[in-house]
C-alpha atoms as a PDB file:
ATOM      1  CA  MET A   1      -0.982  32.634  26.959  1.00  0.00           C
ATOM      2  CA  ALA A   2      -2.640  35.791  26.793  1.00  0.00           C
ATOM      3  CA  ILE A   3      -0.492  38.944  25.776  1.00  0.00           C
ATOM      4  CA  ASN A   4      -0.638  41.692  28.057  1.00  0.00           C
ATOM      5  CA  THR A   5       2.877  43.622  28.401  1.00  0.00           C
ATOM      6  CA  ILE A   6       4.876  43.983  25.418  1.00  0.00           C
ATOM      7  CA  GLY A   7       8.641  45.014  25.162  1.00  0.00           C
ATOM      8  CA  VAL A   8       9.643  47.147  22.069  1.00  0.00           C
ATOM      9  CA  ILE A   9      13.287  47.079  21.007  1.00  0.00           C
ATOM     10  CA  GLY A  10      14.020  50.202  18.979  1.00  0.00           C
ATOM     11  CA  ALA A  11      12.878  53.440  20.177  1.00  0.00           C
ATOM     12  CA  GLY A  12      12.425  55.106  16.435  1.00  0.00           C
ATOM     13  CA  GLN A  13       9.885  55.729  14.084  1.00  0.00           C
ATOM     14  CA  MET A  14       8.587  52.271  13.978  1.00  0.00           C
ATOM     15  CA  GLY A  15       9.468  51.003  17.435  1.00  0.00           C
ATOM     16  CA  SER A  16       7.421  54.454  18.885  1.00  0.00           C
ATOM     17  CA  GLY A  17       4.679  53.731  16.669  1.00  0.00           C
ATOM     18  CA  ILE A  18       4.189  50.043  17.680  1.00  0.00           C
ATOM     19  CA  ALA A  19       4.503  51.389  21.454  1.00  0.00           C
ATOM     20  CA  GLN A  20       1.712  53.465  20.755  1.00  0.00           C
ATOM     21  CA  VAL A  21      -0.952  51.204  19.237  1.00  0.00           C
ATOM     22  CA  CYS A  22      -0.125  48.771  21.714  1.00  0.00           C
ATOM     23  CA  SER A  23      -0.852  51.302  24.703  1.00  0.00           C
ATOM     24  CA  LEU A  24      -3.921  52.639  22.942  1.00  0.00           C
ATOM     25  CA  ALA A  25      -5.178  49.121  22.824  1.00  0.00           C
ATOM     26  CA  GLY A  26      -4.504  48.912  26.550  1.00  0.00           C
ATOM     27  CA  LEU A  27      -1.543  47.231  26.918  1.00  0.00           C
ATOM     28  CA  ASP A  28       1.295  47.766  28.917  1.00  0.00           C
ATOM     29  CA  VAL A  29       4.684  48.607  27.231  1.00  0.00           C
ATOM     30  CA  MET A  30       8.578  48.476  28.006  1.00  0.00           C
ATOM     31  CA  LEU A  31      10.438  50.415  25.111  1.00  0.00           C
ATOM     32  CA  ASN A  32      13.873  50.193  24.933  1.00  0.00           C
ATOM     33  CA  ASP A  33      16.810  51.527  22.921  1.00  0.00           C
ATOM     34  CA  VAL A  34      20.748  51.277  23.162  1.00  0.00           C
ATOM     35  CA  SER A  35      20.420  54.584  25.119  1.00  0.00           C
ATOM     36  CA  GLU A  36      18.483  56.662  27.512  1.00  0.00           C
ATOM     37  CA  GLY A  37      18.256  59.342  25.039  1.00  0.00           C
ATOM     38  CA  LYS A  38      17.258  57.260  22.012  1.00  0.00           C
ATOM     39  CA  ILE A  39      14.484  56.273  24.305  1.00  0.00           C
ATOM     40  CA  GLU A  40      13.399  59.812  25.524  1.00  0.00           C
ATOM     41  CA  ALA A  41      13.296  60.884  21.784  1.00  0.00           C
ATOM     42  CA  GLY A  42      11.109  57.560  20.966  1.00  0.00           C
ATOM     43  CA  LEU A  43       8.275  58.959  24.181  1.00  0.00           C
ATOM     44  CA  GLN A  44       8.901  62.212  22.713  1.00  0.00           C
ATOM     45  CA  ALA A  45       7.624  60.798  18.934  1.00  0.00           C
ATOM     46  CA  ALA A  46       4.870  59.087  20.606  1.00  0.00           C
ATOM     47  CA  ARG A  47       3.708  62.119  22.532  1.00  0.00           C
ATOM     48  CA  ALA A  48       3.639  63.704  19.346  1.00  0.00           C
ATOM     49  CA  GLY A  49       1.964  61.375  17.485  1.00  0.00           C
ATOM     50  CA  PHE A  50      -0.706  61.102  20.267  1.00  0.00           C
ATOM     51  CA  ALA A  51      -1.157  64.744  20.131  1.00  0.00           C
ATOM     52  CA  LYS A  52      -1.874  64.437  16.189  1.00  0.00           C
ATOM     53  CA  LEU A  53      -4.436  61.684  16.784  1.00  0.00           C
ATOM     54  CA  VAL A  54      -6.333  64.167  19.288  1.00  0.00           C
ATOM     55  CA  GLU A  55      -6.214  66.797  16.756  1.00  0.00           C
ATOM     56  CA  ARG A  56      -7.802  64.617  14.023  1.00  0.00           C
ATOM     57  CA  GLY A  57     -10.503  63.511  16.317  1.00  0.00           C
ATOM     58  CA  ALA A  58      -9.446  59.531  16.082  1.00  0.00           C
ATOM     59  CA  THR A  59      -8.958  59.545  19.708  1.00  0.00           C
ATOM     60  CA  ASP A  60      -9.522  61.715  23.169  1.00  0.00           C
ATOM     61  CA  ALA A  61      -7.030  63.664  25.407  1.00  0.00           C
ATOM     62  CA  GLY A  62      -8.173  61.268  28.436  1.00  0.00           C
ATOM     63  CA  ALA A  63      -7.180  58.206  26.189  1.00  0.00           C
ATOM     64  CA  VAL A  64      -4.148  59.519  25.331  1.00  0.00           C
ATOM     65  CA  ASP A  65      -3.480  60.153  28.938  1.00  0.00           C
ATOM     66  CA  ASP A  66      -3.703  56.534  29.626  1.00  0.00           C
ATOM     67  CA  ALA A  67      -2.109  55.371  27.098  1.00  0.00           C
ATOM     68  CA  LEU A  68       1.030  57.494  27.735  1.00  0.00           C
ATOM     69  CA  ALA A  69       1.314  56.176  31.327  1.00  0.00           C
ATOM     70  CA  ARG A  70       1.206  52.359  30.222  1.00  0.00           C
ATOM     71  CA  ILE A  71       4.482  53.069  27.980  1.00  0.00           C
ATOM     72  CA  LYS A  72       7.478  52.899  30.379  1.00  0.00           C
ATOM     73  CA  PRO A  73      11.070  53.356  29.771  1.00  0.00           C
ATOM     74  CA  ALA A  74      13.398  49.910  29.217  1.00  0.00           C
ATOM     75  CA  ALA A  75      16.994  50.690  30.273  1.00  0.00           C
ATOM     76  CA  ASP A  76      18.271  47.029  29.579  1.00  0.00           C
ATOM     77  CA  TYR A  77      16.499  43.912  28.520  1.00  0.00           C
ATOM     78  CA  ALA A  78      16.727  42.555  31.879  1.00  0.00           C
ATOM     79  CA  ALA A  79      13.562  45.398  32.465  1.00  0.00           C
ATOM     80  CA  MET A  80      11.523  42.982  29.856  1.00  0.00           C
ATOM     81  CA  LYS A  81      11.566  39.937  31.771  1.00  0.00           C
ATOM     82  CA  ASN A  82       7.763  39.761  32.628  1.00  0.00           C
ATOM     83  CA  CYS A  83       6.719  41.042  28.976  1.00  0.00           C
ATOM     84  CA  ASP A  84       4.713  38.232  27.190  1.00  0.00           C
ATOM     85  CA  LEU A  85       5.705  39.388  24.004  1.00  0.00           C
ATOM     86  CA  VAL A  86       9.106  41.238  22.876  1.00  0.00           C
ATOM     87  CA  ILE A  87       8.920  43.104  19.380  1.00  0.00           C
ATOM     88  CA  GLU A  88      12.499  44.137  17.559  1.00  0.00           C
ATOM     89  CA  ALA A  89      12.419  46.908  15.727  1.00  0.00           C
ATOM     90  CA  ALA A  90      16.324  47.845  15.613  1.00  0.00           C
ATOM     91  CA  VAL A  91      17.595  49.147  12.465  1.00  0.00           C
ATOM     92  CA  GLU A  92      16.962  46.579   9.075  1.00  0.00           C
ATOM     93  CA  ASN A  93      20.465  44.961   9.094  1.00  0.00           C
ATOM     94  CA  GLU A  94      20.545  41.292   9.815  1.00  0.00           C
ATOM     95  CA  GLU A  95      23.666  41.258  12.104  1.00  0.00           C
ATOM     96  CA  VAL A  96      22.287  43.818  14.500  1.00  0.00           C
ATOM     97  CA  LYS A  97      18.643  41.757  14.904  1.00  0.00           C
ATOM     98  CA  ARG A  98      20.557  38.565  15.585  1.00  0.00           C
ATOM     99  CA  LYS A  99      22.520  40.163  17.710  1.00  0.00           C
ATOM    100  CA  VAL A 100      19.701  42.141  19.720  1.00  0.00           C
ATOM    101  CA  LEU A 101      17.369  38.648  19.159  1.00  0.00           C
ATOM    102  CA  SER A 102      20.098  36.437  20.856  1.00  0.00           C
ATOM    103  CA  GLU A 103      21.018  38.659  23.836  1.00  0.00           C
ATOM    104  CA  VAL A 104      17.026  39.424  24.997  1.00  0.00           C
ATOM    105  CA  SER A 105      16.148  35.842  24.702  1.00  0.00           C
ATOM    106  CA  HIS A 106      18.069  34.811  27.907  1.00  0.00           C
ATOM    107  CA  ALA A 107      16.408  37.744  29.515  1.00  0.00           C
ATOM    108  CA  LEU A 108      12.770  36.549  28.938  1.00  0.00           C
ATOM    109  CA  ARG A 109      10.597  33.665  30.580  1.00  0.00           C
ATOM    110  CA  PRO A 110      10.563  30.797  29.032  1.00  0.00           C
ATOM    111  CA  GLU A 111       6.841  30.694  27.688  1.00  0.00           C
ATOM    112  CA  ALA A 112       7.127  34.392  26.153  1.00  0.00           C
ATOM    113  CA  PHE A 113       6.889  35.390  22.378  1.00  0.00           C
ATOM    114  CA  LEU A 114       9.593  37.035  20.491  1.00  0.00           C
ATOM    115  CA  ALA A 115       8.959  38.481  16.968  1.00  0.00           C
ATOM    116  CA  SER A 116      10.712  40.732  14.517  1.00  0.00           C
ATOM    117  CA  ASN A 117       9.579  43.888  12.746  1.00  0.00           C
ATOM    118  CA  THR A 118      12.131  43.104  10.219  1.00  0.00           C
ATOM    119  CA  SER A 119      10.490  44.285   6.497  1.00  0.00           C
ATOM    120  CA  SER A 120      12.668  41.836   4.520  1.00  0.00           C
ATOM    121  CA  ILE A 121      14.896  39.596   6.350  1.00  0.00           C
ATOM    122  CA  SER A 122      14.223  35.685   6.929  1.00  0.00           C
ATOM    123  CA  ILE A 123      12.145  34.651   9.989  1.00  0.00           C
ATOM    124  CA  THR A 124      13.775  31.200   9.862  1.00  0.00           C
ATOM    125  CA  ARG A 125      17.257  32.919   9.958  1.00  0.00           C
ATOM    126  CA  LEU A 126      16.287  35.233  12.643  1.00  0.00           C
ATOM    127  CA  ALA A 127      14.669  32.959  14.884  1.00  0.00           C
ATOM    128  CA  SER A 128      18.097  30.786  14.678  1.00  0.00           C
ATOM    129  CA  ALA A 129      19.603  33.446  16.635  1.00  0.00           C
ATOM    130  CA  THR A 130      17.102  32.693  19.721  1.00  0.00           C
ATOM    131  CA  ASP A 131      16.366  30.047  22.221  1.00  0.00           C
ATOM    132  CA  ARG A 132      12.720  29.932  21.176  1.00  0.00           C
ATOM    133  CA  PRO A 133      12.596  29.559  17.448  1.00  0.00           C
ATOM    134  CA  GLU A 134       9.067  27.915  17.754  1.00  0.00           C
ATOM    135  CA  ARG A 135       7.783  30.843  19.958  1.00  0.00           C
ATOM    136  CA  PHE A 136       9.375  33.115  17.273  1.00  0.00           C
ATOM    137  CA  ILE A 137       7.208  34.878  14.710  1.00  0.00           C
ATOM    138  CA  GLY A 138       7.631  37.722  12.025  1.00  0.00           C
ATOM    139  CA  ILE A 139       4.959  40.575  13.015  1.00  0.00           C
ATOM    140  CA  HIS A 140       5.654  43.138  10.153  1.00  0.00           C
ATOM    141  CA  PHE A 141       4.165  47.029  10.961  1.00  0.00           C
ATOM    142  CA  MET A 142       3.400  48.746   7.885  1.00  0.00           C
ATOM    143  CA  ASN A 143       4.673  52.805   8.127  1.00  0.00           C
ATOM    144  CA  PRO A 144       3.511  54.913   9.992  1.00  0.00           C
ATOM    145  CA  VAL A 145       2.016  52.416  12.291  1.00  0.00           C
ATOM    146  CA  THR A 146      -0.596  54.751  13.896  1.00  0.00           C
ATOM    147  CA  LYS A 147      -2.375  54.946  10.093  1.00  0.00           C
ATOM    148  CA  MET A 148      -1.371  51.871   8.388  1.00  0.00           C
ATOM    149  CA  GLN A 149      -3.903  49.066   8.798  1.00  0.00           C
ATOM    150  CA  LEU A 150      -2.156  46.361   7.589  1.00  0.00           C
ATOM    151  CA  VAL A 151       0.292  43.967   9.373  1.00  0.00           C
ATOM    152  CA  GLU A 152       1.898  40.813   7.549  1.00  0.00           C
ATOM    153  CA  LEU A 153       2.169  37.791   9.640  1.00  0.00           C
ATOM    154  CA  ILE A 154       5.337  35.617   8.754  1.00  0.00           C
ATOM    155  CA  ARG A 155       6.114  32.380  10.349  1.00  0.00           C
ATOM    156  CA  GLY A 156       9.614  30.597  10.301  1.00  0.00           C
ATOM    157  CA  ILE A 157       9.959  27.158   9.498  1.00  0.00           C
ATOM    158  CA  ALA A 158       9.900  26.561  13.469  1.00  0.00           C
ATOM    159  CA  THR A 159       6.918  28.798  14.350  1.00  0.00           C
ATOM    160  CA  GLU A 160       4.514  26.596  16.417  1.00  0.00           C
ATOM    161  CA  ASN A 161       0.710  26.946  15.849  1.00  0.00           C
ATOM    162  CA  GLU A 162       0.253  28.503  19.570  1.00  0.00           C
ATOM    163  CA  THR A 163       2.460  31.251  18.238  1.00  0.00           C
ATOM    164  CA  PHE A 164       0.830  31.658  15.452  1.00  0.00           C
ATOM    165  CA  ASP A 165      -2.593  31.966  16.877  1.00  0.00           C
ATOM    166  CA  ALA A 166      -1.091  34.642  19.741  1.00  0.00           C
ATOM    167  CA  ALA A 167       0.059  36.684  16.954  1.00  0.00           C
ATOM    168  CA  LYS A 168      -3.410  36.746  15.115  1.00  0.00           C
ATOM    169  CA  THR A 169      -5.368  37.381  18.493  1.00  0.00           C
ATOM    170  CA  PHE A 170      -2.275  40.261  19.235  1.00  0.00           C
ATOM    171  CA  VAL A 171      -3.213  41.867  15.888  1.00  0.00           C
ATOM    172  CA  THR A 172      -6.789  41.716  15.940  1.00  0.00           C
ATOM    173  CA  ARG A 173      -6.708  43.491  19.562  1.00  0.00           C
ATOM    174  CA  LEU A 174      -4.814  46.306  18.153  1.00  0.00           C
ATOM    175  CA  GLY A 175      -7.766  46.741  15.533  1.00  0.00           C
ATOM    176  CA  LYS A 176      -5.364  45.809  12.669  1.00  0.00           C
ATOM    177  CA  THR A 177      -5.949  43.661   9.586  1.00  0.00           C
ATOM    178  CA  PHE A 178      -3.198  40.827   9.343  1.00  0.00           C
ATOM    179  CA  THR A 179      -2.571  39.095   6.039  1.00  0.00           C
ATOM    180  CA  VAL A 180      -0.067  36.055   6.202  1.00  0.00           C
ATOM    181  CA  SER A 181       3.106  35.696   3.987  1.00  0.00           C
ATOM    182  CA  GLU A 182       5.522  32.908   3.440  1.00  0.00           C
ATOM    183  CA  ASP A 183       8.934  33.627   4.545  1.00  0.00           C
ATOM    184  CA  PHE A 184      10.644  34.716   1.380  1.00  0.00           C
ATOM    185  CA  PRO A 185      12.453  37.934   0.695  1.00  0.00           C
ATOM    186  CA  ALA A 186      10.516  41.024   1.365  1.00  0.00           C
ATOM    187  CA  PHE A 187       7.407  39.178   2.240  1.00  0.00           C
ATOM    188  CA  ILE A 188       4.433  40.573   0.126  1.00  0.00           C
ATOM    189  CA  VAL A 189       4.242  44.186   0.864  1.00  0.00           C
ATOM    190  CA  ASN A 190       7.416  45.374   0.093  1.00  0.00           C
ATOM    191  CA  ARG A 191       8.193  42.293  -2.313  1.00  0.00           C
ATOM    192  CA  ILE A 192       5.950  44.855  -4.685  1.00  0.00           C
ATOM    193  CA  LEU A 193       6.517  47.747  -3.747  1.00  0.00           C
ATOM    194  CA  LEU A 194      10.454  48.343  -2.822  1.00  0.00           C
ATOM    195  CA  PRO A 195      11.002  47.110  -6.694  1.00  0.00           C
ATOM    196  CA  MET A 196       8.623  49.684  -7.691  1.00  0.00           C
ATOM    197  CA  ILE A 197      10.396  52.487  -6.004  1.00  0.00           C
ATOM    198  CA  ASN A 198      13.951  51.138  -7.473  1.00  0.00           C
ATOM    199  CA  GLU A 199      12.494  51.558 -10.973  1.00  0.00           C
ATOM    200  CA  ALA A 200      11.291  54.891 -10.160  1.00  0.00           C
ATOM    201  CA  ILE A 201      15.002  55.652  -9.008  1.00  0.00           C
ATOM    202  CA  TYR A 202      16.360  54.265 -12.464  1.00  0.00           C
ATOM    203  CA  THR A 203      14.007  56.534 -14.426  1.00  0.00           C
ATOM    204  CA  LEU A 204      15.645  59.173 -12.505  1.00  0.00           C
ATOM    205  CA  TYR A 205      19.169  57.791 -12.731  1.00  0.00           C
ATOM    206  CA  GLU A 206      18.438  57.273 -16.714  1.00  0.00           C
ATOM    207  CA  GLY A 207      16.969  60.975 -16.903  1.00  0.00           C
ATOM    208  CA  VAL A 208      14.020  59.822 -17.966  1.00  0.00           C
ATOM    209  CA  GLY A 209      12.197  62.358 -15.751  1.00  0.00           C
ATOM    210  CA  SER A 210      12.944  64.710 -12.826  1.00  0.00           C
ATOM    211  CA  VAL A 211      12.153  63.692  -9.254  1.00  0.00           C
ATOM    212  CA  GLU A 212       9.190  66.382  -9.860  1.00  0.00           C
ATOM    213  CA  ALA A 213       7.987  64.722 -12.962  1.00  0.00           C
ATOM    214  CA  ILE A 214       8.381  61.217 -11.816  1.00  0.00           C
ATOM    215  CA  ASP A 215       6.162  61.698  -8.612  1.00  0.00           C
ATOM    216  CA  THR A 216       3.865  64.019 -10.054  1.00  0.00           C
ATOM    217  CA  ALA A 217       3.144  61.254 -13.021  1.00  0.00           C
ATOM    218  CA  MET A 218       2.835  58.655 -10.186  1.00  0.00           C
ATOM    219  CA  LYS A 219       0.290  60.684  -8.257  1.00  0.00           C
ATOM    220  CA  LEU A 220      -1.896  61.646 -11.095  1.00  0.00           C
ATOM    221  CA  GLY A 221      -1.298  58.897 -13.375  1.00  0.00           C
ATOM    222  CA  ALA A 222      -1.602  55.955 -11.054  1.00  0.00           C
ATOM    223  CA  ASN A 223      -3.535  57.717  -8.656  1.00  0.00           C
ATOM    224  CA  HIS A 224      -1.098  56.910  -5.850  1.00  0.00           C
ATOM    225  CA  PRO A 225      -1.276  59.271  -2.326  1.00  0.00           C
ATOM    226  CA  MET A 226       2.494  60.355  -2.883  1.00  0.00           C
ATOM    227  CA  GLY A 227       5.233  59.639  -5.422  1.00  0.00           C
ATOM    228  CA  PRO A 228       7.577  56.806  -5.440  1.00  0.00           C
ATOM    229  CA  LEU A 229      10.680  58.842  -4.459  1.00  0.00           C
ATOM    230  CA  GLN A 230       8.648  61.221  -1.647  1.00  0.00           C
ATOM    231  CA  LEU A 231       7.751  57.927  -0.238  1.00  0.00           C
ATOM    232  CA  ALA A 232      11.205  56.410  -0.544  1.00  0.00           C
ATOM    233  CA  ASP A 233      12.618  59.492   1.348  1.00  0.00           C
ATOM    234  CA  PHE A 234       9.546  58.860   4.074  1.00  0.00           C
ATOM    235  CA  ILE A 235      10.846  55.153   4.510  1.00  0.00           C
ATOM    236  CA  GLY A 236      14.275  56.302   4.579  1.00  0.00           C
ATOM    237  CA  LEU A 237      16.842  55.312   1.825  1.00  0.00           C
ATOM    238  CA  ASP A 238      18.971  53.422   3.685  1.00  0.00           C
ATOM    239  CA  THR A 239      16.052  51.122   4.659  1.00  0.00           C
ATOM    240  CA  VAL A 240      15.094  50.790   0.637  1.00  0.00           C
ATOM    241  CA  LEU A 241      18.596  49.926  -0.187  1.00  0.00           C
ATOM    242  CA  SER A 242      18.679  46.969   2.696  1.00  0.00           C
ATOM    243  CA  VAL A 243      15.198  45.385   1.264  1.00  0.00           C
ATOM    244  CA  MET A 244      16.506  45.887  -2.257  1.00  0.00           C
ATOM    245  CA  GLN A 245      19.806  44.088  -1.051  1.00  0.00           C
ATOM    246  CA  VAL A 246      17.827  41.459   0.626  1.00  0.00           C
ATOM    247  CA  LEU A 247      15.860  40.969  -2.497  1.00  0.00           C
ATOM    248  CA  HIS A 248      18.813  40.579  -4.660  1.00  0.00           C
ATOM    249  CA  GLU A 249      20.978  38.643  -2.603  1.00  0.00           C
ATOM    250  CA  GLY A 250      18.100  36.021  -1.707  1.00  0.00           C
ATOM    251  CA  LEU A 251      16.440  35.864  -4.936  1.00  0.00           C
ATOM    252  CA  ALA A 252      19.467  35.833  -7.435  1.00  0.00           C
ATOM    253  CA  ASP A 253      17.679  38.189  -9.910  1.00  0.00           C
ATOM    254  CA  SER A 254      19.085  40.869 -11.430  1.00  0.00           C
ATOM    255  CA  LYS A 255      15.942  42.864 -11.994  1.00  0.00           C
ATOM    256  CA  TYR A 256      16.306  43.694  -8.187  1.00  0.00           C
ATOM    257  CA  ARG A 257      19.998  45.089  -8.589  1.00  0.00           C
ATOM    258  CA  PRO A 258      19.672  48.265  -6.524  1.00  0.00           C
ATOM    259  CA  CYS A 259      20.085  51.360  -8.398  1.00  0.00           C
ATOM    260  CA  PRO A 260      23.674  52.697  -8.225  1.00  0.00           C
ATOM    261  CA  LEU A 261      21.814  56.541  -7.690  1.00  0.00           C
ATOM    262  CA  LEU A 262      20.373  54.749  -4.487  1.00  0.00           C
ATOM    263  CA  VAL A 263      23.690  53.593  -3.331  1.00  0.00           C
ATOM    264  CA  LYS A 264      25.240  56.944  -3.893  1.00  0.00           C
ATOM    265  CA  TYR A 265      22.724  58.945  -1.959  1.00  0.00           C
ATOM    266  CA  VAL A 266      23.027  56.477   0.818  1.00  0.00           C
ATOM    267  CA  GLU A 267      27.107  56.514   0.999  1.00  0.00           C
ATOM    268  CA  ALA A 268      26.379  60.600   0.868  1.00  0.00           C
ATOM    269  CA  GLY A 269      24.202  60.105   4.027  1.00  0.00           C
ATOM    270  CA  TRP A 270      21.325  61.510   2.159  1.00  0.00           C
ATOM    271  CA  LEU A 271      18.527  59.094   3.723  1.00  0.00           C
ATOM    272  CA  GLY A 272      15.474  61.422   3.124  1.00  0.00           C
ATOM    273  CA  ARG A 273      13.338  62.963   5.672  1.00  0.00           C
ATOM    274  CA  LYS A 274      14.908  61.893   8.614  1.00  0.00           C
ATOM    275  CA  THR A 275      18.635  63.604   7.523  1.00  0.00           C
ATOM    276  CA  GLN A 276      16.797  65.967   5.836  1.00  0.00           C
ATOM    277  CA  ARG A 277      18.083  65.313   2.502  1.00  0.00           C
ATOM    278  CA  GLY A 278      17.307  62.622   0.013  1.00  0.00           C
ATOM    279  CA  PHE A 279      15.731  63.223  -3.160  1.00  0.00           C
ATOM    280  CA  TYR A 280      14.259  66.356  -1.817  1.00  0.00           C
ATOM    281  CA  ASP A 281      15.899  68.982   0.591  1.00  0.00           C
ATOM    282  CA  TYR A 282      13.533  69.214   3.558  1.00  0.00           C
ATOM    283  CA  ARG A 283      15.757  71.952   5.295  1.00  0.00           C
ATOM    284  CA  SER A 284      13.841  75.286   4.555  1.00  0.00           C
ATOM    285  CA  GLY A 285      10.771  73.778   5.649  1.00  0.00           C
ATOM    286  CA  THR A 286       9.380  73.076   2.061  1.00  0.00           C
ATOM    287  CA  PRO A 287      10.626  70.108  -0.064  1.00  0.00           C
ATOM    288  CA  VAL A 288      12.989  71.104  -2.829  1.00  0.00           C
ATOM    289  CA  PRO A 289      13.862  68.299  -5.433  1.00  0.00           C
ATOM    290  CA  THR A 290      17.661  67.474  -5.255  1.00  0.00           C
ATOM    291  CA  ARG A 291      17.679  66.430  -9.237  1.00  0.00           C
END
């Protein structure tokens, strides 16, 4: 089945990014969230993202106008009834995702594909909340979606070959590269990346180095484009914590125990860039280390 119309559930950082790359590839997009305000915020984020692409010379204004015209708000799941593929990009919480996937299933045509952009949760378990586990797959985009080349594809135990082949064709059409992961906690990228970030937070927690020292060490000592604490703020500390909890619970290994300092920051609501405070304070416009 050809994929020409995409539904995206969740108009946040990931969802708006997915909408951007899909519309630029010539696909029609229906963008949904829990309120009209959140959908409009997602559309505004898409406009801002397109403007940056034009500034960088990655595309031209005409292509952006065409792409924006292809993104439509979807006030409810019924508006997605003609979608060929719906991608869930809600918060990284299994209960929330299962509820979303269960509800949207009933609004779709039987032949439509369904996917999750989860960065860590079992695709097999999420598939069981739907009415089409054989047509369900993990399509995990990297953040920021418009810049990052990789997409992880994860098959659940029931995912059929037709679904897998359709997902590969879809990702290729977006001009991205896919890698295939088995359905284990956090898949490939986050299985490796998030424990490194958690270890950097432990390094801060134990007083081995300051925020600035740790980030500088990894940028200049390991040639990373940004330090691990800066990256944690970019990802969102709540998401970092959620992934570490999935790893810790799913693999039952103490090396994945979330750092208590990470837990404390999340409890304080210091989630990184999206709340203006995390390991850096962004409120002045210039990031200032908070420890």
